[in-house]
Amino acid sequence: MAKRSKKYQDAEKLLERGKLYSVDEAVELVKKTSIAKFDETIELHVRLGVDPKYADQQVRGAVVLPNGTGKSKRVLAFAKGEKAQEATAAGADFVGAEDLAEKIKGGWLDFDVAVATPDMMGVVGRLGKILGPRGLMPNPKLGTVTPDITKAINEQKAGKVEYRTDKAGNIHCPIGKKSFDDGKLKENYQTLIDTLIKAKPAAAKGQYMKAITLSSTMGPGVPVAV
């Protein structure tokens, strides 16, 4: 294991070994233990009592955080005609159809999220091998394939985040920046936790939420009482 920096070790000393903190304490501590000079992202990590190798135990979706994430997303919209005009008016950074698909095939990926109208999926589907592994493929379940392209773009710009269990059943999601006031971070935290509770698969048995941790980009994890 790589040796931690002195700053990280000093930050870790602020945490009481074995203690589970309240949300209020955890938010305060995650800021205190943030060691980088830049405005670090505050991340929520949740270990769920699910087995993701079974399709009926996977937890995946998206939610608009009430206070955003503090990051401005570059949104690409696959749309034609009137829908392309709507996408431009809604603030999409890139709007197009086959022309954008050709750019992406050529290696261009200078965007954070892609949305599409349903009639464009014939074009978008051919990009699955490029966009899929990078988590950029538009998906109806996540609201990124929809006839209401304006709403999809507005949600992304407002701070919509996607969550998905990894192979170990963990969820990792940003909930804001260190510069956010505590109240905004707590509101985003609670919105995401409530969403995960509602998304509990019927097939999941036993304790659903097993562990919750808050951390900054470079700081140590702060365990939160479940």
C-alpha atoms as a PDB file:
ATOM      1  CA  MET A   1       0.000   0.000   0.000  1.00  0.00           C
ATOM      2  CA  ALA A   2       1.328   3.471  -0.918  1.00  0.00           C
ATOM      3  CA  LYS A   3       2.567   5.542   2.012  1.00  0.00           C
ATOM      4  CA  ARG A   4       0.147   8.341   2.900  1.00  0.00           C
ATOM      5  CA  SER A   5       1.399  11.938   2.989  1.00  0.00           C
ATOM      6  CA  LYS A   6       2.003  13.680   6.318  1.00  0.00           C
ATOM      7  CA  LYS A   7      -0.985  15.971   5.604  1.00  0.00           C
ATOM      8  CA  TYR A   8      -3.226  12.931   5.112  1.00  0.00           C
ATOM      9  CA  GLN A   9      -1.926  11.287   8.302  1.00  0.00           C
ATOM     10  CA  ASP A  10      -2.522  14.495  10.272  1.00  0.00           C
ATOM     11  CA  ALA A  11      -6.054  14.712   8.877  1.00  0.00           C
ATOM     12  CA  GLU A  12      -6.696  11.096   9.826  1.00  0.00           C
ATOM     13  CA  LYS A  13      -5.743  11.864  13.449  1.00  0.00           C
ATOM     14  CA  LEU A  14      -8.838  14.111  13.665  1.00  0.00           C
ATOM     15  CA  LEU A  15     -10.990  10.981  13.354  1.00  0.00           C
ATOM     16  CA  GLU A  16     -11.772   8.781  16.347  1.00  0.00           C
ATOM     17  CA  ARG A  17     -11.024   5.162  15.451  1.00  0.00           C
ATOM     18  CA  GLY A  18     -14.142   2.987  15.384  1.00  0.00           C
ATOM     19  CA  LYS A  19     -16.581   5.892  15.843  1.00  0.00           C
ATOM     20  CA  LEU A  20     -19.618   6.358  13.612  1.00  0.00           C
ATOM     21  CA  TYR A  21     -20.463  10.033  13.225  1.00  0.00           C
ATOM     22  CA  SER A  22     -23.801  11.792  12.829  1.00  0.00           C
ATOM     23  CA  VAL A  23     -24.392  13.486   9.467  1.00  0.00           C
ATOM     24  CA  ASP A  24     -23.782  16.916  11.046  1.00  0.00           C
ATOM     25  CA  GLU A  25     -20.459  15.785  12.542  1.00  0.00           C
ATOM     26  CA  ALA A  26     -19.419  13.971   9.366  1.00  0.00           C
ATOM     27  CA  VAL A  27     -19.996  17.005   7.123  1.00  0.00           C
ATOM     28  CA  GLU A  28     -17.999  19.203   9.517  1.00  0.00           C
ATOM     29  CA  LEU A  29     -15.173  16.646   9.721  1.00  0.00           C
ATOM     30  CA  VAL A  30     -14.987  15.937   6.000  1.00  0.00           C
ATOM     31  CA  LYS A  31     -14.270  19.636   5.484  1.00  0.00           C
ATOM     32  CA  LYS A  32     -11.683  19.744   8.270  1.00  0.00           C
ATOM     33  CA  THR A  33      -9.892  16.698   6.857  1.00  0.00           C
ATOM     34  CA  SER A  34      -9.832  18.067   3.305  1.00  0.00           C
ATOM     35  CA  ILE A  35      -6.121  18.517   2.581  1.00  0.00           C
ATOM     36  CA  ALA A  36      -5.912  19.790  -1.006  1.00  0.00           C
ATOM     37  CA  LYS A  37      -5.552  23.431  -2.017  1.00  0.00           C
ATOM     38  CA  PHE A  38      -8.304  23.169  -4.655  1.00  0.00           C
ATOM     39  CA  ASP A  39     -12.057  23.063  -3.986  1.00  0.00           C
ATOM     40  CA  GLU A  40     -12.385  19.316  -3.381  1.00  0.00           C
ATOM     41  CA  THR A  41     -15.472  17.320  -4.338  1.00  0.00           C
ATOM     42  CA  ILE A  42     -17.331  15.786  -1.391  1.00  0.00           C
ATOM     43  CA  GLU A  43     -18.254  12.187  -2.172  1.00  0.00           C
ATOM     44  CA  LEU A  44     -20.764   9.808  -0.614  1.00  0.00           C
ATOM     45  CA  HIS A  45     -19.914   6.089  -0.539  1.00  0.00           C
ATOM     46  CA  VAL A  46     -22.573   3.563   0.462  1.00  0.00           C
ATOM     47  CA  ARG A  47     -22.082  -0.186   0.881  1.00  0.00           C
ATOM     48  CA  LEU A  48     -25.360  -1.949   0.117  1.00  0.00           C
ATOM     49  CA  GLY A  49     -26.482  -5.437   1.136  1.00  0.00           C
ATOM     50  CA  VAL A  50     -27.033  -6.551  -2.465  1.00  0.00           C
ATOM     51  CA  ASP A  51     -25.326  -8.988  -4.818  1.00  0.00           C
ATOM     52  CA  PRO A  52     -24.942  -7.093  -8.121  1.00  0.00           C
ATOM     53  CA  LYS A  53     -24.107 -10.240 -10.087  1.00  0.00           C
ATOM     54  CA  TYR A  54     -27.878 -10.883 -10.031  1.00  0.00           C
ATOM     55  CA  ALA A  55     -29.834  -8.556 -12.321  1.00  0.00           C
ATOM     56  CA  ASP A  56     -32.693  -8.207  -9.806  1.00  0.00           C
ATOM     57  CA  GLN A  57     -30.292  -6.897  -7.123  1.00  0.00           C
ATOM     58  CA  GLN A  58     -28.593  -4.176  -9.125  1.00  0.00           C
ATOM     59  CA  VAL A  59     -29.260  -0.630  -7.981  1.00  0.00           C
ATOM     60  CA  ARG A  60     -29.053   1.998 -10.699  1.00  0.00           C
ATOM     61  CA  GLY A  61     -30.705   5.311 -11.418  1.00  0.00           C
ATOM     62  CA  ALA A  62     -30.331   9.069 -11.396  1.00  0.00           C
ATOM     63  CA  VAL A  63     -31.449  11.906  -9.151  1.00  0.00           C
ATOM     64  CA  VAL A  64     -31.331  15.713  -9.333  1.00  0.00           C
ATOM     65  CA  LEU A  65     -29.542  17.015  -6.232  1.00  0.00           C
ATOM     66  CA  PRO A  66     -31.348  20.097  -4.861  1.00  0.00           C
ATOM     67  CA  ASN A  67     -28.127  22.112  -4.679  1.00  0.00           C
ATOM     68  CA  GLY A  68     -26.266  20.644  -7.650  1.00  0.00           C
ATOM     69  CA  THR A  69     -22.744  19.228  -7.480  1.00  0.00           C
ATOM     70  CA  GLY A  70     -20.771  22.419  -8.014  1.00  0.00           C
ATOM     71  CA  LYS A  71     -19.507  21.115 -11.343  1.00  0.00           C
ATOM     72  CA  SER A  72     -20.643  22.566 -14.651  1.00  0.00           C
ATOM     73  CA  LYS A  73     -21.467  19.719 -17.056  1.00  0.00           C
ATOM     74  CA  ARG A  74     -20.806  19.865 -20.781  1.00  0.00           C
ATOM     75  CA  VAL A  75     -23.965  18.386 -22.308  1.00  0.00           C
ATOM     76  CA  LEU A  76     -24.086  16.847 -25.782  1.00  0.00           C
ATOM     77  CA  ALA A  77     -27.516  16.424 -27.385  1.00  0.00           C
ATOM     78  CA  PHE A  78     -28.288  14.082 -30.263  1.00  0.00           C
ATOM     79  CA  ALA A  79     -31.273  15.724 -31.959  1.00  0.00           C
ATOM     80  CA  LYS A  80     -32.567  16.931 -35.320  1.00  0.00           C
ATOM     81  CA  GLY A  81     -34.860  19.665 -36.607  1.00  0.00           C
ATOM     82  CA  GLU A  82     -37.082  21.328 -34.011  1.00  0.00           C
ATOM     83  CA  LYS A  83     -35.644  19.150 -31.234  1.00  0.00           C
ATOM     84  CA  ALA A  84     -32.149  20.368 -32.123  1.00  0.00           C
ATOM     85  CA  GLN A  85     -33.391  23.961 -31.825  1.00  0.00           C
ATOM     86  CA  GLU A  86     -34.947  23.105 -28.425  1.00  0.00           C
ATOM     87  CA  ALA A  87     -31.663  21.565 -27.273  1.00  0.00           C
ATOM     88  CA  THR A  88     -29.713  24.675 -28.268  1.00  0.00           C
ATOM     89  CA  ALA A  89     -32.237  26.922 -26.506  1.00  0.00           C
ATOM     90  CA  ALA A  90     -32.001  24.756 -23.364  1.00  0.00           C
ATOM     91  CA  GLY A  91     -28.245  25.331 -23.197  1.00  0.00           C
ATOM     92  CA  ALA A  92     -26.758  22.132 -24.636  1.00  0.00           C
ATOM     93  CA  ASP A  93     -23.043  22.650 -25.335  1.00  0.00           C
ATOM     94  CA  PHE A  94     -23.040  20.491 -28.468  1.00  0.00           C
ATOM     95  CA  VAL A  95     -26.034  19.645 -30.678  1.00  0.00           C
ATOM     96  CA  GLY A  96     -26.067  17.420 -33.737  1.00  0.00           C
ATOM     97  CA  ALA A  97     -26.761  13.999 -35.227  1.00  0.00           C
ATOM     98  CA  GLU A  98     -24.648  11.965 -37.676  1.00  0.00           C
ATOM     99  CA  ASP A  99     -22.008  14.730 -37.680  1.00  0.00           C
ATOM    100  CA  LEU A 100     -21.457  14.324 -33.907  1.00  0.00           C
ATOM    101  CA  ALA A 101     -21.452  10.520 -34.218  1.00  0.00           C
ATOM    102  CA  GLU A 102     -18.643  10.738 -36.792  1.00  0.00           C
ATOM    103  CA  LYS A 103     -16.663  13.076 -34.508  1.00  0.00           C
ATOM    104  CA  ILE A 104     -17.003  10.600 -31.629  1.00  0.00           C
ATOM    105  CA  LYS A 105     -15.929   7.707 -33.861  1.00  0.00           C
ATOM    106  CA  GLY A 106     -12.837   9.776 -34.627  1.00  0.00           C
ATOM    107  CA  GLY A 107     -11.925   9.922 -30.933  1.00  0.00           C
ATOM    108  CA  TRP A 108     -13.576  13.172 -29.799  1.00  0.00           C
ATOM    109  CA  LEU A 109     -15.090  12.861 -26.306  1.00  0.00           C
ATOM    110  CA  ASP A 110     -14.962  16.404 -24.970  1.00  0.00           C
ATOM    111  CA  PHE A 111     -18.272  16.264 -23.063  1.00  0.00           C
ATOM    112  CA  ASP A 112     -19.549  15.014 -19.687  1.00  0.00           C
ATOM    113  CA  VAL A 113     -23.013  13.645 -20.504  1.00  0.00           C
ATOM    114  CA  ALA A 114     -24.978  12.753 -23.640  1.00  0.00           C
ATOM    115  CA  VAL A 115     -28.756  13.008 -24.092  1.00  0.00           C
ATOM    116  CA  ALA A 116     -30.806  11.966 -27.112  1.00  0.00           C
ATOM    117  CA  THR A 117     -34.301  11.988 -28.548  1.00  0.00           C
ATOM    118  CA  PRO A 118     -35.692   8.452 -29.164  1.00  0.00           C
ATOM    119  CA  ASP A 119     -35.540   8.843 -32.982  1.00  0.00           C
ATOM    120  CA  MET A 120     -31.750   9.308 -32.742  1.00  0.00           C
ATOM    121  CA  MET A 121     -31.050   5.938 -31.096  1.00  0.00           C
ATOM    122  CA  GLY A 122     -30.341   4.313 -34.476  1.00  0.00           C
ATOM    123  CA  VAL A 123     -27.371   6.664 -34.793  1.00  0.00           C
ATOM    124  CA  VAL A 124     -26.411   6.611 -31.110  1.00  0.00           C
ATOM    125  CA  GLY A 125     -26.683   2.795 -30.850  1.00  0.00           C
ATOM    126  CA  ARG A 126     -23.695   2.397 -33.167  1.00  0.00           C
ATOM    127  CA  LEU A 127     -21.551   4.275 -30.632  1.00  0.00           C
ATOM    128  CA  GLY A 128     -22.233   1.778 -27.817  1.00  0.00           C
ATOM    129  CA  LYS A 129     -18.701   0.331 -27.771  1.00  0.00           C
ATOM    130  CA  ILE A 130     -17.231   3.822 -27.397  1.00  0.00           C
ATOM    131  CA  LEU A 131     -19.747   5.486 -25.060  1.00  0.00           C
ATOM    132  CA  GLY A 132     -20.825   2.437 -22.995  1.00  0.00           C
ATOM    133  CA  PRO A 133     -17.524   1.694 -21.188  1.00  0.00           C
ATOM    134  CA  ARG A 134     -17.144   5.406 -20.359  1.00  0.00           C
ATOM    135  CA  GLY A 135     -20.632   5.691 -18.851  1.00  0.00           C
ATOM    136  CA  LEU A 136     -21.675   8.177 -21.552  1.00  0.00           C
ATOM    137  CA  MET A 137     -24.315   6.113 -23.376  1.00  0.00           C
ATOM    138  CA  PRO A 138     -27.796   7.718 -23.280  1.00  0.00           C
ATOM    139  CA  ASN A 139     -30.263   5.507 -21.423  1.00  0.00           C
ATOM    140  CA  PRO A 140     -34.085   5.785 -21.146  1.00  0.00           C
ATOM    141  CA  LYS A 141     -34.008   4.524 -17.520  1.00  0.00           C
ATOM    142  CA  LEU A 142     -31.748   7.426 -16.567  1.00  0.00           C
ATOM    143  CA  GLY A 143     -33.840  10.003 -18.401  1.00  0.00           C
ATOM    144  CA  THR A 144     -31.141  10.686 -20.992  1.00  0.00           C
ATOM    145  CA  VAL A 145     -33.206   9.252 -23.872  1.00  0.00           C
ATOM    146  CA  THR A 146     -36.446  11.220 -23.993  1.00  0.00           C
ATOM    147  CA  PRO A 147     -38.656  13.258 -26.345  1.00  0.00           C
ATOM    148  CA  ASP A 148     -38.496  16.057 -23.721  1.00  0.00           C
ATOM    149  CA  ILE A 149     -34.939  17.076 -24.578  1.00  0.00           C
ATOM    150  CA  THR A 150     -35.314  20.435 -22.805  1.00  0.00           C
ATOM    151  CA  LYS A 151     -36.096  18.775 -19.473  1.00  0.00           C
ATOM    152  CA  ALA A 152     -33.207  16.304 -19.886  1.00  0.00           C
ATOM    153  CA  ILE A 153     -30.717  19.122 -20.495  1.00  0.00           C
ATOM    154  CA  ASN A 154     -32.092  21.289 -17.671  1.00  0.00           C
ATOM    155  CA  GLU A 155     -31.786  18.395 -15.207  1.00  0.00           C
ATOM    156  CA  GLN A 156     -28.195  17.701 -16.209  1.00  0.00           C
ATOM    157  CA  LYS A 157     -27.277  21.370 -15.887  1.00  0.00           C
ATOM    158  CA  ALA A 158     -29.076  21.569 -12.517  1.00  0.00           C
ATOM    159  CA  GLY A 159     -26.975  18.779 -10.987  1.00  0.00           C
ATOM    160  CA  LYS A 160     -28.404  15.399 -11.901  1.00  0.00           C
ATOM    161  CA  VAL A 161     -26.156  12.552 -10.760  1.00  0.00           C
ATOM    162  CA  GLU A 162     -26.215   8.895 -11.717  1.00  0.00           C
ATOM    163  CA  TYR A 163     -25.684   6.121  -9.173  1.00  0.00           C
ATOM    164  CA  ARG A 164     -24.875   2.489  -9.833  1.00  0.00           C
ATOM    165  CA  THR A 165     -23.633  -0.401  -7.726  1.00  0.00           C
ATOM    166  CA  ASP A 166     -20.123  -1.563  -8.548  1.00  0.00           C
ATOM    167  CA  LYS A 167     -19.101  -5.245  -8.491  1.00  0.00           C
ATOM    168  CA  ALA A 168     -18.863  -5.187  -4.691  1.00  0.00           C
ATOM    169  CA  GLY A 169     -22.290  -3.603  -4.173  1.00  0.00           C
ATOM    170  CA  ASN A 170     -20.974  -0.112  -3.433  1.00  0.00           C
ATOM    171  CA  ILE A 171     -22.346   3.226  -4.645  1.00  0.00           C
ATOM    172  CA  HIS A 172     -19.991   6.194  -5.147  1.00  0.00           C
ATOM    173  CA  CYS A 173     -21.514   9.610  -5.843  1.00  0.00           C
ATOM    174  CA  PRO A 174     -20.525  13.298  -5.596  1.00  0.00           C
ATOM    175  CA  ILE A 175     -22.790  15.440  -3.409  1.00  0.00           C
ATOM    176  CA  GLY A 176     -21.121  18.844  -3.756  1.00  0.00           C
ATOM    177  CA  LYS A 177     -17.943  20.808  -3.133  1.00  0.00           C
ATOM    178  CA  LYS A 178     -15.998  21.657   0.007  1.00  0.00           C
ATOM    179  CA  SER A 179     -17.002  25.314  -0.570  1.00  0.00           C
ATOM    180  CA  PHE A 180     -20.725  24.443  -0.169  1.00  0.00           C
ATOM    181  CA  ASP A 181     -22.207  25.445   3.156  1.00  0.00           C
ATOM    182  CA  ASP A 182     -23.014  22.555   5.505  1.00  0.00           C
ATOM    183  CA  GLY A 183     -26.773  22.844   5.001  1.00  0.00           C
ATOM    184  CA  LYS A 184     -26.513  22.365   1.230  1.00  0.00           C
ATOM    185  CA  LEU A 185     -24.234  19.339   1.575  1.00  0.00           C
ATOM    186  CA  LYS A 186     -26.587  17.763   4.133  1.00  0.00           C
ATOM    187  CA  GLU A 187     -29.610  18.384   1.911  1.00  0.00           C
ATOM    188  CA  ASN A 188     -27.866  16.748  -1.057  1.00  0.00           C
ATOM    189  CA  TYR A 189     -26.730  13.879   1.187  1.00  0.00           C
ATOM    190  CA  GLN A 190     -30.265  13.223   2.442  1.00  0.00           C
ATOM    191  CA  THR A 191     -31.755  13.409  -1.063  1.00  0.00           C
ATOM    192  CA  LEU A 192     -29.347  10.744  -2.318  1.00  0.00           C
ATOM    193  CA  ILE A 193     -29.818   8.491   0.727  1.00  0.00           C
ATOM    194  CA  ASP A 194     -33.632   8.730   0.440  1.00  0.00           C
ATOM    195  CA  THR A 195     -33.384   7.881  -3.268  1.00  0.00           C
ATOM    196  CA  LEU A 196     -31.235   4.815  -2.563  1.00  0.00           C
ATOM    197  CA  ILE A 197     -33.694   3.616   0.086  1.00  0.00           C
ATOM    198  CA  LYS A 198     -36.581   3.883  -2.402  1.00  0.00           C
ATOM    199  CA  ALA A 199     -34.471   2.008  -4.977  1.00  0.00           C
ATOM    200  CA  LYS A 200     -34.024  -1.034  -2.696  1.00  0.00           C
ATOM    201  CA  PRO A 201     -34.517  -4.166  -4.840  1.00  0.00           C
ATOM    202  CA  ALA A 202     -37.276  -6.537  -3.679  1.00  0.00           C
ATOM    203  CA  ALA A 203     -34.751  -9.394  -3.939  1.00  0.00           C
ATOM    204  CA  ALA A 204     -32.345  -7.800  -1.422  1.00  0.00           C
ATOM    205  CA  LYS A 205     -32.432  -9.641   1.905  1.00  0.00           C
ATOM    206  CA  GLY A 206     -31.118  -8.678   5.340  1.00  0.00           C
ATOM    207  CA  GLN A 207     -29.628  -5.271   6.137  1.00  0.00           C
ATOM    208  CA  TYR A 208     -29.795  -3.051   3.062  1.00  0.00           C
ATOM    209  CA  MET A 209     -27.569  -0.121   4.036  1.00  0.00           C
ATOM    210  CA  LYS A 210     -24.448  -1.647   5.562  1.00  0.00           C
ATOM    211  CA  ALA A 211     -22.035   1.287   5.697  1.00  0.00           C
ATOM    212  CA  ILE A 212     -21.965   4.968   4.779  1.00  0.00           C
ATOM    213  CA  THR A 213     -18.801   7.051   4.360  1.00  0.00           C
ATOM    214  CA  LEU A 214     -18.204  10.676   3.415  1.00  0.00           C
ATOM    215  CA  SER A 215     -14.886  11.807   1.989  1.00  0.00           C
ATOM    216  CA  SER A 216     -13.279  14.655   0.110  1.00  0.00           C
ATOM    217  CA  THR A 217     -11.308  13.986  -3.084  1.00  0.00           C
ATOM    218  CA  MET A 218      -7.959  13.712  -1.284  1.00  0.00           C
ATOM    219  CA  GLY A 219      -9.017  13.302   2.350  1.00  0.00           C
ATOM    220  CA  PRO A 220      -9.746  10.257   4.560  1.00  0.00           C
ATOM    221  CA  GLY A 221     -13.179   8.659   4.768  1.00  0.00           C
ATOM    222  CA  VAL A 222     -15.480   9.710   7.616  1.00  0.00           C
ATOM    223  CA  PRO A 223     -17.815   6.837   8.704  1.00  0.00           C
ATOM    224  CA  VAL A 224     -21.448   7.903   9.152  1.00  0.00           C
ATOM    225  CA  ALA A 225     -23.961   6.147  11.403  1.00  0.00           C
ATOM    226  CA  VAL A 226     -26.448   4.236   9.236  1.00  0.00           C
END
